[in-house]
Amino acid sequence: MDQVEKRRLKITFYIFALAFSAVFFKALKVQVIDKKNLLSRAKRQFFRERKVFPRRGHIYDRNGNPLAINVRTYSIFAIPKNIKDKQAYKKLSKIIPNLTYEDIRGKVKDRNRFTWVARKVELSQDQLEKIKEIKGIYTEEIPKRLYPNHELAAQTLGFVGVDNNGLAGIEHRFDNDLKGEPQIIKYIIDNKGRPVRYVSQNAGDRSKDLYLSIDKEVQAVAEKAIKDAVEKAEAFRGGVGVMNAETGEILAMANYPTFDPNDLSGSKSSHRKLPFISDPFEPGSTMKLLTVASALENKVVRPETNYYCEQGRLKVEDHIISEAESRKKYEWLSVTEIIKYSSNVGTTKVAFDLTFPKLKETFDKFGIGEKTGIEIPAESRGIFTEDNNVSPLSLSNISFGQGVATTGVQMLAAYAAIANGGHYIKPTILKVEDPTKIEKKRIISEKTANELTQMMVETVQDGTAKAGRIPYFKIAAKTSTAQRSDGTGRYNGYVPGFLGYPIDVNNKFVVYAYVDNPAKGKFIMGIVSAGPSI
């Protein structure tokens, strides 16, 4: 290598070394020496970062009728320190008549940085253009949740918060699916003090629509019926549910009083929940059918097996078990008649022959004391002992629905298993797209289910539920008039109920209605307060 080439290599090396040194010292200056100053400047330029979700997924009933949709609204915010026009807030109040100057001044008082002025306001294009002309005041498009049917299925749907996050019901349970993935929006001040809006590009509109099992028309009829029943009885509240016995789909479910999710401020928090799934109560005589189901399955009795019913009074331990109607003094009743006339004494004797371990095994199969798994938050498992055995008095009470607490949806699912021939199917609030994929679990034989159905048919034809007969339909049903616990361990009032289904129809469905605590002097019998006669 000659001297010229060596000189060129040295020059090249020194140039690269000098360039590397310049980069190194620049990085050192930026990341170490000037770090605090640059972070401070960046912070002064950045004044707002926000996650904005795509259009929230719509919620429809099983036939595509909208239950929850979105409308376009805008949220308005200000950066008070950037506002030079002293008339800015007065101009804004003139553009939006519902937003007074005093309200605006109250919100921005003693504020310099980002401040909300109004949330989810509906604006015309003309109003938007006028607001854009006011420096220091900005708008963000925010979809607002709208429930077009107001109170319809409100407790099932739930509601969203001011930021469109699901806070209750289906809106909360499926919040991630409904809201999708967010975009990140940043507001930065450029060198001339102007706000520049940057939007991330990595988010897509992945929100999902939901189709519920609810039938809007059935829901409307059910809600009106339970509202009328509660008001007629001057009751604390009432509940109703309708379930497809073959698919587990809930066609209607509601409690009254209810609320309008479009106007949360005008409702009580207690009216926003769905007690049909969240608040257990003693079911009373509807439980008798499950006791008899256990006895039939364990071959302890047959429908025609007779029991002496002690003329309506049976001493168990130190207590007297009497009939719901004290004037009833039954002597010999068959098992069918025990259900038909709803005998407490007869059911107790069936339970004594059965024994508690066998009864508990059957109750477990029917889901008593366990959550059904329906896709709505806050479901209760109810109250049922985990003991392997109980005292004779407790067994007696449990056999006819006292000393055990269930939710409305638990009893609905239990009777659906009888209506469909003996298969337990988990209730669902979502529309079933493929009925062949439904998981069914046989819990009683088809023979037992048919015998129970026939007992309920006779109960409607000439028993405690005969006022519930419906022209052109054959109905299988059981009534109840359960004593009501007041939460202190004492009984205070009643919960009348009616649980049944039509037979010989193409689509098998079960209906359960109850009225919680009718006023004194009002009818407390299940068929009168909660049956079809309402």
Protein backbone atom coordinates (compact mmCIF):
# COMPACT_ATOMS: atom_id res chain seq x y z
CA MET A 1 0.00 0.00 0.00
CA ASP A 2 1.54 3.37 -1.05
CA GLN A 3 1.58 6.58 1.02
CA VAL A 4 -1.35 8.14 -0.86
CA GLU A 5 -3.72 5.29 -0.02
CA LYS A 6 -2.64 5.33 3.65
CA ARG A 7 -3.36 9.04 3.83
CA ARG A 8 -6.84 8.53 2.34
CA LEU A 9 -7.68 5.81 4.87
CA LYS A 10 -6.58 8.05 7.76
CA ILE A 11 -8.69 10.93 6.48
CA THR A 12 -11.74 8.64 6.12
CA PHE A 13 -11.23 7.25 9.63
CA TYR A 14 -10.99 10.74 11.14
CA ILE A 15 -14.14 11.85 9.32
CA PHE A 16 -16.15 8.86 10.63
CA ALA A 17 -14.72 9.30 14.12
CA LEU A 18 -15.66 12.96 14.10
CA ALA A 19 -19.19 12.18 12.86
CA PHE A 20 -19.67 9.45 15.49
CA SER A 21 -18.43 11.78 18.21
CA ALA A 22 -20.89 14.46 17.08
CA VAL A 23 -23.77 11.97 17.21
CA PHE A 24 -22.65 10.67 20.61
CA PHE A 25 -22.37 14.12 22.18
CA LYS A 26 -25.71 15.17 20.65
CA ALA A 27 -27.39 12.11 22.13
CA LEU A 28 -25.68 12.77 25.46
CA LYS A 29 -26.95 16.35 25.39
CA VAL A 30 -30.52 15.34 24.49
CA GLN A 31 -30.86 12.34 26.80
CA VAL A 32 -28.86 13.54 29.80
CA ILE A 33 -27.91 17.22 29.82
CA ASP A 34 -31.14 18.65 28.34
CA LYS A 35 -33.48 15.84 29.45
CA LYS A 36 -35.49 17.78 32.02
CA ASN A 37 -35.79 20.84 29.80
CA LEU A 38 -36.97 18.84 26.78
CA LEU A 39 -39.47 16.83 28.83
CA SER A 40 -40.85 20.07 30.20
CA ARG A 41 -41.19 21.51 26.69
CA ALA A 42 -42.86 18.30 25.44
CA LYS A 43 -45.26 18.40 28.35
CA ARG A 44 -46.15 22.00 27.53
CA GLN A 45 -46.87 21.00 23.93
CA PHE A 46 -48.99 17.99 24.87
CA PHE A 47 -52.30 18.81 26.52
CA ARG A 48 -54.69 15.95 25.84
CA GLU A 49 -54.65 12.20 25.20
CA ARG A 50 -57.81 10.18 24.91
CA LYS A 51 -58.90 6.66 24.04
CA VAL A 52 -61.81 6.77 21.63
CA PHE A 53 -63.66 3.53 20.99
CA PRO A 54 -65.43 2.79 17.70
CA ARG A 55 -69.22 2.75 17.40
CA ARG A 56 -70.48 0.63 20.27
CA GLY A 57 -72.06 -2.56 19.03
CA HIS A 58 -75.84 -2.54 18.74
CA ILE A 59 -78.05 -4.91 20.71
CA TYR A 60 -81.01 -6.51 18.94
CA ASP A 61 -83.81 -8.85 19.92
CA ARG A 62 -84.04 -12.29 18.31
CA ASN A 63 -85.90 -10.86 15.28
CA GLY A 64 -83.51 -7.98 14.64
CA ASN A 65 -85.49 -5.27 16.41
CA PRO A 66 -83.09 -2.72 17.95
CA LEU A 67 -82.89 -2.66 21.75
CA ALA A 68 -79.75 -0.52 22.16
CA ILE A 69 -78.27 1.71 19.43
CA ASN A 70 -76.08 4.81 19.09
CA VAL A 71 -76.70 8.42 18.11
CA ARG A 72 -74.02 10.97 17.20
CA THR A 73 -73.23 13.52 19.89
CA TYR A 74 -70.31 15.76 20.78
CA SER A 75 -68.42 16.53 23.93
CA ILE A 76 -67.09 20.06 24.27
CA PHE A 77 -63.92 20.98 26.15
CA ALA A 78 -61.84 24.09 26.67
CA ILE A 79 -58.20 25.02 27.33
CA PRO A 80 -58.81 28.23 29.34
CA LYS A 81 -55.20 29.43 29.14
CA ASN A 82 -55.42 29.39 25.32
CA ILE A 83 -58.58 31.50 25.21
CA LYS A 84 -57.76 35.14 24.41
CA ASP A 85 -61.27 36.21 23.39
CA LYS A 86 -63.08 37.42 26.53
CA GLN A 87 -66.40 36.84 24.78
CA ALA A 88 -65.61 33.19 23.94
CA TYR A 89 -67.86 31.66 26.60
CA LYS A 90 -70.74 34.02 25.81
CA LYS A 91 -70.42 33.11 22.13
CA LEU A 92 -70.55 29.41 23.04
CA SER A 93 -73.67 29.89 25.17
CA LYS A 94 -75.40 31.62 22.24
CA ILE A 95 -74.49 28.75 19.90
CA ILE A 96 -75.88 26.17 22.36
CA PRO A 97 -78.95 27.69 24.07
CA ASN A 98 -79.17 24.91 26.69
CA LEU A 99 -75.64 25.73 27.85
CA THR A 100 -75.80 28.95 29.88
CA TYR A 101 -72.94 31.36 30.32
CA GLU A 102 -73.11 30.92 34.11
CA ASP A 103 -72.79 27.13 33.77
CA ILE A 104 -69.73 27.47 31.56
CA ARG A 105 -68.03 30.00 33.83
CA GLY A 106 -68.65 27.74 36.81
CA LYS A 107 -66.89 24.84 35.10
CA VAL A 108 -63.82 26.74 33.86
CA LYS A 109 -63.32 28.93 36.92
CA ASP A 110 -59.77 28.68 38.28
CA ARG A 111 -58.85 26.21 35.52
CA ASN A 112 -56.02 26.60 32.99
CA ARG A 113 -55.69 23.21 31.35
CA PHE A 114 -58.14 20.76 29.84
CA THR A 115 -61.72 21.19 31.15
CA TRP A 116 -64.96 19.56 30.08
CA VAL A 117 -67.65 22.11 29.27
CA ALA A 118 -70.42 19.73 28.15
CA ARG A 119 -70.74 15.99 27.51
CA LYS A 120 -72.69 14.21 24.80
CA VAL A 121 -74.47 17.21 23.29
CA GLU A 122 -76.36 16.89 20.01
CA LEU A 123 -75.08 19.53 17.57
CA SER A 124 -76.00 20.53 14.04
CA GLN A 125 -73.35 21.04 11.37
CA ASP A 126 -73.88 24.78 11.61
CA GLN A 127 -73.28 24.73 15.37
CA LEU A 128 -70.11 22.68 14.89
CA GLU A 129 -68.69 25.16 12.40
CA LYS A 130 -69.40 28.10 14.70
CA ILE A 131 -67.72 26.37 17.69
CA LYS A 132 -64.61 25.71 15.58
CA GLU A 133 -64.22 29.46 15.12
CA ILE A 134 -63.78 29.98 18.88
CA LYS A 135 -60.08 29.53 19.71
CA GLY A 136 -59.43 27.42 22.79
CA ILE A 137 -62.73 25.53 22.62
CA TYR A 138 -62.82 22.10 20.95
CA THR A 139 -65.26 19.29 20.17
CA GLU A 140 -64.92 15.51 20.10
CA GLU A 141 -67.45 13.27 18.40
CA ILE A 142 -68.81 10.82 20.99
CA PRO A 143 -71.51 8.25 20.19
CA LYS A 144 -74.28 8.29 22.77
CA ARG A 145 -76.15 5.13 23.74
CA LEU A 146 -79.87 5.23 23.02
CA TYR A 147 -82.50 2.73 24.14
CA PRO A 148 -85.33 3.29 21.64
CA ASN A 149 -87.87 1.23 23.61
CA HIS A 150 -87.19 3.05 26.89
CA GLU A 151 -88.14 0.71 29.80
CA LEU A 152 -88.46 -2.41 27.62
CA ALA A 153 -85.99 -5.08 28.88
CA ALA A 154 -84.09 -2.29 30.65
CA GLN A 155 -82.94 -4.40 33.61
CA THR A 156 -81.61 -7.07 31.27
CA LEU A 157 -79.89 -4.62 28.93
CA GLY A 158 -78.36 -2.52 31.71
CA PHE A 159 -76.80 0.84 30.82
CA VAL A 160 -73.54 2.60 30.02
CA GLY A 161 -71.63 5.39 31.72
CA VAL A 162 -70.72 8.80 30.35
CA ASP A 163 -67.71 7.26 28.57
CA ASN A 164 -69.84 4.50 27.02
CA ASN A 165 -68.48 1.81 29.34
CA GLY A 166 -71.03 -0.86 30.23
CA LEU A 167 -72.01 -0.54 33.89
CA ALA A 168 -74.81 -3.09 34.29
CA GLY A 169 -76.66 -5.94 32.62
CA ILE A 170 -75.76 -7.12 29.12
CA GLU A 171 -73.93 -3.84 28.51
CA HIS A 172 -71.51 -4.75 31.33
CA ARG A 173 -71.30 -8.50 30.71
CA PHE A 174 -70.34 -8.07 27.04
CA ASP A 175 -68.61 -4.71 27.36
CA ASN A 176 -65.37 -5.77 25.64
CA ASP A 177 -67.23 -7.21 22.63
CA LEU A 178 -69.57 -4.23 22.32
CA LYS A 179 -66.99 -1.43 22.64
CA GLY A 180 -64.27 -2.89 20.40
CA GLU A 181 -60.69 -1.58 20.29
CA PRO A 182 -59.85 2.08 20.84
CA GLN A 183 -57.96 4.67 18.82
CA ILE A 184 -55.54 6.92 20.70
CA ILE A 185 -56.16 10.61 20.03
CA LYS A 186 -53.52 13.14 21.11
CA TYR A 187 -53.69 16.92 21.04
CA ILE A 188 -50.31 18.70 20.75
CA ILE A 189 -49.53 22.40 20.51
CA ASP A 190 -47.32 23.23 17.50
CA ASN A 191 -44.67 25.99 17.35
CA LYS A 192 -47.34 28.60 16.59
CA GLY A 193 -49.52 27.56 19.53
CA ARG A 194 -52.12 25.81 17.41
CA PRO A 195 -53.63 22.48 18.53
CA VAL A 196 -52.74 19.57 16.27
CA ARG A 197 -54.77 16.37 16.50
CA TYR A 198 -52.99 13.03 16.01
CA VAL A 199 -54.91 9.78 15.65
CA SER A 200 -53.32 6.34 16.04
CA GLN A 201 -53.73 4.04 13.06
CA ASN A 202 -53.53 0.66 14.81
CA ALA A 203 -57.18 0.31 15.86
CA GLY A 204 -60.03 -1.09 13.84
CA ASP A 205 -63.79 -1.04 14.17
CA ARG A 206 -63.98 -4.45 15.82
CA SER A 207 -67.04 -3.87 17.97
CA LYS A 208 -69.63 -6.64 17.75
CA ASP A 209 -73.40 -6.51 17.58
CA LEU A 210 -75.38 -8.78 19.90
CA TYR A 211 -78.58 -10.67 19.16
CA LEU A 212 -80.47 -11.59 22.31
CA SER A 213 -82.95 -14.41 22.79
CA ILE A 214 -85.52 -11.81 23.88
CA ASP A 215 -88.61 -11.44 21.70
CA LYS A 216 -89.60 -7.78 21.80
CA GLU A 217 -93.32 -8.47 21.46
CA VAL A 218 -93.37 -11.18 24.14
CA GLN A 219 -91.29 -8.95 26.40
CA ALA A 220 -93.75 -6.06 26.00
CA VAL A 221 -96.75 -8.26 26.86
CA ALA A 222 -94.96 -9.78 29.87
CA GLU A 223 -93.92 -6.37 31.21
CA LYS A 224 -97.42 -4.97 30.93
CA ALA A 225 -98.89 -8.02 32.67
CA ILE A 226 -96.53 -7.88 35.63
CA LYS A 227 -96.93 -4.10 35.93
CA ASP A 228 -100.71 -4.49 36.06
CA ALA A 229 -100.43 -7.30 38.62
CA VAL A 230 -98.11 -5.33 40.93
CA GLU A 231 -100.25 -2.20 40.78
CA LYS A 232 -103.47 -4.15 41.29
CA ALA A 233 -102.04 -5.86 44.38
CA GLU A 234 -100.28 -2.70 45.58
CA ALA A 235 -97.23 -4.93 45.95
CA PHE A 236 -93.58 -4.18 46.62
CA ARG A 237 -92.60 -5.54 43.21
CA GLY A 238 -93.11 -8.47 40.87
CA GLY A 239 -91.24 -10.59 38.36
CA VAL A 240 -91.93 -12.54 35.20
CA GLY A 241 -89.95 -14.81 32.88
CA VAL A 242 -90.67 -16.78 29.71
CA MET A 243 -88.27 -19.52 28.60
CA ASN A 244 -88.15 -21.77 25.55
CA ALA A 245 -88.04 -25.22 27.15
CA GLU A 246 -86.28 -26.83 24.16
CA THR A 247 -83.45 -24.31 23.65
CA GLY A 248 -83.10 -22.56 27.01
CA GLU A 249 -83.64 -19.17 25.35
CA ILE A 250 -85.21 -16.49 27.53
CA LEU A 251 -87.98 -14.91 25.47
CA ALA A 252 -88.91 -12.37 28.15
CA MET A 253 -87.69 -11.48 31.61
CA ALA A 254 -88.48 -8.47 33.75
CA ASN A 255 -89.24 -7.03 37.14
CA TYR A 256 -91.50 -4.14 38.03
CA PRO A 257 -90.86 -1.38 39.05
CA THR A 258 -88.25 -0.78 36.37
CA PHE A 259 -86.46 2.24 34.86
CA ASP A 260 -85.63 4.05 31.63
CA PRO A 261 -81.89 3.68 30.84
CA ASN A 262 -82.10 6.89 28.81
CA ASP A 263 -82.80 8.76 32.05
CA LEU A 264 -80.76 7.24 34.87
CA SER A 265 -81.07 10.30 37.06
CA GLY A 266 -84.83 9.85 37.12
CA SER A 267 -84.70 6.32 38.53
CA LYS A 268 -83.91 4.57 41.79
CA SER A 269 -80.82 2.35 41.90
CA SER A 270 -82.94 -0.50 43.31
CA HIS A 271 -85.08 -0.46 40.16
CA ARG A 272 -82.09 -0.89 37.84
CA LYS A 273 -81.20 -4.43 38.89
CA LEU A 274 -82.96 -7.62 37.80
CA PRO A 275 -84.24 -9.37 40.97
CA PHE A 276 -85.52 -12.25 38.82
CA ILE A 277 -81.93 -13.50 38.75
CA SER A 278 -80.30 -11.65 41.66
CA ASP A 279 -82.73 -11.83 44.61
CA PRO A 280 -83.70 -15.29 45.88
CA PHE A 281 -86.90 -15.89 47.82
CA GLU A 282 -88.68 -18.91 49.25
CA PRO A 283 -90.61 -20.42 46.30
CA GLY A 284 -93.38 -22.09 48.30
CA SER A 285 -95.63 -24.66 46.68
CA THR A 286 -93.95 -24.67 43.27
CA MET A 287 -91.23 -26.69 45.03
CA LYS A 288 -93.72 -29.48 45.79
CA LEU A 289 -93.52 -30.69 42.21
CA LEU A 290 -89.75 -31.21 42.53
CA THR A 291 -90.28 -33.17 45.76
CA VAL A 292 -92.77 -35.43 44.00
CA ALA A 293 -90.38 -35.68 41.02
CA SER A 294 -87.73 -37.07 43.36
CA ALA A 295 -90.16 -39.56 44.88
CA LEU A 296 -91.27 -40.78 41.46
CA GLU A 297 -87.68 -41.09 40.21
CA ASN A 298 -86.65 -43.04 43.30
CA LYS A 299 -89.73 -45.28 42.95
CA VAL A 300 -90.92 -44.32 46.42
CA VAL A 301 -94.39 -43.44 45.12
CA ARG A 302 -96.60 -43.67 42.04
CA PRO A 303 -99.13 -41.02 41.01
CA GLU A 304 -101.93 -43.07 42.55
CA THR A 305 -100.15 -43.75 45.88
CA ASN A 306 -102.38 -42.60 48.76
CA TYR A 307 -101.41 -40.71 51.91
CA TYR A 308 -103.54 -39.87 54.92
CA CYS A 309 -103.29 -36.09 55.34
CA GLU A 310 -104.27 -35.90 59.00
CA GLN A 311 -107.25 -33.58 58.39
CA GLY A 312 -104.84 -30.74 57.68
CA ARG A 313 -102.71 -30.87 60.83
CA LEU A 314 -99.51 -32.89 61.29
CA LYS A 315 -97.24 -32.57 64.32
CA VAL A 316 -93.54 -32.57 63.41
CA GLU A 317 -91.22 -32.16 66.38
CA ASP A 318 -92.78 -29.32 68.38
CA HIS A 319 -94.52 -27.69 65.43
CA ILE A 320 -97.81 -28.22 63.64
CA ILE A 321 -97.65 -28.48 59.86
CA SER A 322 -100.95 -27.19 58.49
CA GLU A 323 -102.40 -26.54 55.06
CA ALA A 324 -102.07 -23.14 53.37
CA GLU A 325 -105.83 -22.81 53.76
CA SER A 326 -106.64 -23.77 57.34
CA ARG A 327 -110.23 -24.67 56.43
CA LYS A 328 -108.95 -27.54 54.26
CA LYS A 329 -109.08 -30.76 56.26
CA TYR A 330 -107.88 -33.39 53.80
CA GLU A 331 -107.96 -37.07 54.72
CA TRP A 332 -106.83 -39.52 52.01
CA LEU A 333 -105.16 -37.98 48.97
CA SER A 334 -103.25 -39.60 46.14
CA VAL A 335 -99.90 -38.11 45.12
CA THR A 336 -101.65 -36.55 42.12
CA GLU A 337 -104.22 -34.99 44.44
CA ILE A 338 -101.50 -33.77 46.81
CA ILE A 339 -100.20 -31.68 43.91
CA LYS A 340 -103.68 -30.87 42.64
CA TYR A 341 -104.80 -29.45 45.99
CA SER A 342 -101.30 -28.37 47.10
CA SER A 343 -101.26 -30.22 50.42
CA ASN A 344 -98.41 -29.33 52.78
CA VAL A 345 -99.13 -32.34 54.97
CA GLY A 346 -99.22 -34.73 52.01
CA THR A 347 -95.96 -33.38 50.59
CA THR A 348 -94.30 -33.69 54.00
CA LYS A 349 -95.27 -37.35 54.21
CA VAL A 350 -93.92 -37.99 50.71
CA ALA A 351 -90.63 -36.34 51.76
CA PHE A 352 -90.42 -38.43 54.93
CA ASP A 353 -90.73 -41.63 52.89
CA LEU A 354 -88.18 -40.30 50.41
CA THR A 355 -85.60 -39.05 52.99
CA PHE A 356 -83.51 -35.92 52.63
CA PRO A 357 -80.39 -37.37 50.92
CA LYS A 358 -82.47 -38.57 47.97
CA LEU A 359 -84.44 -35.30 47.85
CA LYS A 360 -81.22 -33.28 47.90
CA GLU A 361 -79.78 -35.35 45.07
CA THR A 362 -82.79 -34.50 42.90
CA PHE A 363 -82.76 -30.82 43.88
CA ASP A 364 -79.08 -30.69 42.90
CA LYS A 365 -79.95 -32.06 39.46
CA PHE A 366 -82.59 -29.36 39.05
CA GLY A 367 -79.98 -26.71 39.89
CA ILE A 368 -81.37 -25.66 43.26
CA GLY A 369 -78.66 -23.82 45.19
CA GLU A 370 -76.50 -23.26 42.09
CA LYS A 371 -76.26 -20.46 39.56
CA THR A 372 -77.81 -21.31 36.21
CA GLY A 373 -74.97 -19.58 34.37
CA ILE A 374 -77.20 -17.18 32.44
CA GLU A 375 -75.12 -14.43 30.82
CA ILE A 376 -76.28 -11.58 33.05
CA PRO A 377 -74.17 -10.20 35.93
CA ALA A 378 -75.09 -10.53 39.61
CA GLU A 379 -76.89 -13.89 39.42
CA SER A 380 -77.50 -15.44 42.84
CA ARG A 381 -77.05 -19.12 43.60
CA GLY A 382 -79.98 -19.02 45.99
CA ILE A 383 -79.96 -20.60 49.44
CA PHE A 384 -79.95 -24.34 49.99
CA THR A 385 -78.25 -26.33 52.73
CA GLU A 386 -75.04 -28.23 52.00
CA ASP A 387 -75.68 -30.63 54.89
CA ASN A 388 -76.07 -34.28 54.03
CA ASN A 389 -79.08 -34.54 56.30
CA VAL A 390 -81.51 -32.26 58.13
CA SER A 391 -84.05 -32.46 60.93
CA PRO A 392 -87.58 -33.74 60.23
CA LEU A 393 -88.96 -30.21 60.60
CA SER A 394 -86.46 -28.80 58.10
CA LEU A 395 -87.19 -31.63 55.68
CA SER A 396 -90.89 -30.89 55.95
CA ASN A 397 -90.40 -27.19 55.27
CA ILE A 398 -88.01 -27.74 52.37
CA SER A 399 -90.37 -30.22 50.73
CA PHE A 400 -93.01 -27.52 50.21
CA GLY A 401 -90.68 -24.61 49.50
CA GLN A 402 -89.89 -23.01 52.86
CA GLY A 403 -86.38 -22.93 54.33
CA VAL A 404 -84.93 -22.88 50.81
CA ALA A 405 -84.59 -19.85 48.54
CA THR A 406 -84.46 -19.79 44.76
CA THR A 407 -84.36 -17.18 42.04
CA GLY A 408 -87.00 -16.81 39.38
CA VAL A 409 -84.67 -18.06 36.66
CA GLN A 410 -83.77 -21.19 38.68
CA MET A 411 -87.42 -22.20 38.97
CA LEU A 412 -88.04 -21.34 35.32
CA ALA A 413 -85.20 -23.65 34.26
CA ALA A 414 -86.34 -26.42 36.62
CA TYR A 415 -89.87 -26.48 35.21
CA ALA A 416 -88.51 -26.25 31.65
CA ALA A 417 -86.82 -29.60 32.32
CA ILE A 418 -90.23 -31.09 33.12
CA ALA A 419 -91.87 -29.44 30.11
CA ASN A 420 -89.31 -30.78 27.62
CA GLY A 421 -89.46 -34.37 28.85
CA GLY A 422 -86.72 -34.45 31.48
CA HIS A 423 -83.69 -32.58 30.13
CA TYR A 424 -82.03 -29.73 32.01
CA ILE A 425 -80.92 -26.94 29.67
CA LYS A 426 -78.95 -23.92 30.83
CA PRO A 427 -80.95 -20.72 30.37
CA THR A 428 -79.42 -18.25 27.92
CA ILE A 429 -80.12 -14.62 27.09
CA LEU A 430 -78.39 -14.97 23.70
CA LYS A 431 -80.14 -16.09 20.53
CA VAL A 432 -79.39 -19.73 19.75
CA GLU A 433 -78.23 -19.99 16.15
CA ASP A 434 -77.85 -23.78 16.02
CA PRO A 435 -80.29 -25.75 18.23
CA THR A 436 -78.43 -28.99 17.46
CA LYS A 437 -75.47 -27.77 19.55
CA ILE A 438 -77.51 -27.19 22.70
CA GLU A 439 -76.20 -29.16 25.66
CA LYS A 440 -78.97 -31.21 27.25
CA LYS A 441 -78.64 -33.24 30.43
CA ARG A 442 -81.26 -35.78 31.37
CA ILE A 443 -82.18 -35.37 35.03
CA ILE A 444 -85.50 -37.24 35.20
CA SER A 445 -87.06 -39.86 32.97
CA GLU A 446 -89.54 -38.96 30.26
CA LYS A 447 -92.11 -41.08 32.12
CA THR A 448 -91.67 -39.02 35.30
CA ALA A 449 -91.84 -35.75 33.34
CA ASN A 450 -95.10 -36.83 31.68
CA GLU A 451 -96.62 -37.88 35.02
CA LEU A 452 -95.69 -34.52 36.58
CA THR A 453 -97.17 -32.68 33.61
CA GLN A 454 -100.43 -34.61 33.94
CA MET A 455 -100.59 -33.71 37.64
CA MET A 456 -100.25 -30.04 36.74
CA VAL A 457 -102.90 -30.35 34.03
CA GLU A 458 -105.32 -31.68 36.65
CA THR A 459 -104.29 -28.83 38.97
CA VAL A 460 -105.48 -26.36 36.31
CA GLN A 461 -108.57 -28.32 35.33
CA ASP A 462 -109.95 -28.83 38.84
CA GLY A 463 -107.38 -27.85 41.47
CA THR A 464 -105.75 -24.78 42.99
CA ALA A 465 -104.97 -23.33 39.53
CA LYS A 466 -108.36 -23.78 37.87
CA ALA A 467 -108.89 -20.01 37.59
CA GLY A 468 -105.94 -20.07 35.18
CA ARG A 469 -107.66 -22.06 32.47
CA ILE A 470 -107.24 -20.52 29.01
CA PRO A 471 -109.69 -21.17 26.16
CA TYR A 472 -108.36 -23.43 23.35
CA PHE A 473 -105.20 -24.34 25.32
CA LYS A 474 -104.41 -27.13 27.75
CA ILE A 475 -102.27 -25.69 30.54
CA ALA A 476 -100.03 -27.48 33.02
CA ALA A 477 -99.28 -25.29 36.04
CA LYS A 478 -98.58 -25.03 39.74
CA THR A 479 -99.42 -22.12 42.02
CA SER A 480 -97.69 -20.98 45.19
CA THR A 481 -98.33 -18.68 48.12
CA ALA A 482 -94.98 -18.55 49.88
CA GLN A 483 -94.35 -16.83 53.17
CA ARG A 484 -91.99 -13.92 52.67
CA SER A 485 -88.84 -13.38 54.73
CA ASP A 486 -88.30 -9.74 55.66
CA GLY A 487 -84.52 -10.12 55.98
CA THR A 488 -84.54 -10.28 59.79
CA GLY A 489 -85.29 -13.98 60.03
CA ARG A 490 -89.01 -13.37 60.41
CA TYR A 491 -91.86 -13.94 57.98
CA ASN A 492 -93.75 -10.86 56.92
CA GLY A 493 -96.12 -11.00 53.97
CA TYR A 494 -96.36 -13.39 51.02
CA VAL A 495 -95.01 -14.03 47.53
CA PRO A 496 -97.80 -15.47 45.34
CA GLY A 497 -96.62 -17.21 42.17
CA PHE A 498 -97.79 -19.08 39.08
CA LEU A 499 -95.51 -21.41 37.11
CA GLY A 500 -96.66 -23.37 34.10
CA TYR A 501 -96.70 -24.08 30.39
CA PRO A 502 -99.10 -25.00 27.59
CA ILE A 503 -98.94 -28.55 26.28
CA ASP A 504 -99.70 -29.93 22.80
CA VAL A 505 -98.05 -26.90 21.17
CA ASN A 506 -95.19 -26.81 18.67
CA ASN A 507 -92.97 -24.44 20.65
CA LYS A 508 -92.73 -25.43 24.29
CA PHE A 509 -92.29 -22.49 26.61
CA VAL A 510 -92.55 -22.02 30.36
CA VAL A 511 -93.89 -18.92 32.14
CA TYR A 512 -93.20 -17.92 35.73
CA ALA A 513 -94.80 -14.88 37.35
CA TYR A 514 -94.72 -13.81 40.99
CA VAL A 515 -95.87 -10.81 43.00
CA ASP A 516 -93.72 -9.82 45.95
CA ASN A 517 -95.61 -8.74 49.07
CA PRO A 518 -99.14 -7.67 48.07
CA ALA A 519 -100.65 -5.06 50.38
CA LYS A 520 -102.71 -6.28 53.31
CA GLY A 521 -106.28 -6.91 52.30
CA LYS A 522 -105.29 -7.74 48.71
CA PHE A 523 -105.41 -11.22 47.19
CA ILE A 524 -102.40 -13.30 48.20
CA MET A 525 -103.21 -16.56 46.41
CA GLY A 526 -100.89 -17.31 43.50
CA ILE A 527 -103.60 -17.91 40.92
CA VAL A 528 -105.30 -14.61 41.74
CA SER A 529 -102.24 -12.36 42.01
CA ALA A 530 -99.88 -13.96 39.48
CA GLY A 531 -101.90 -16.30 37.25
CA PRO A 532 -103.45 -15.78 33.79
CA SER A 533 -106.55 -14.33 35.46
CA ILE A 534 -104.63 -11.07 36.04
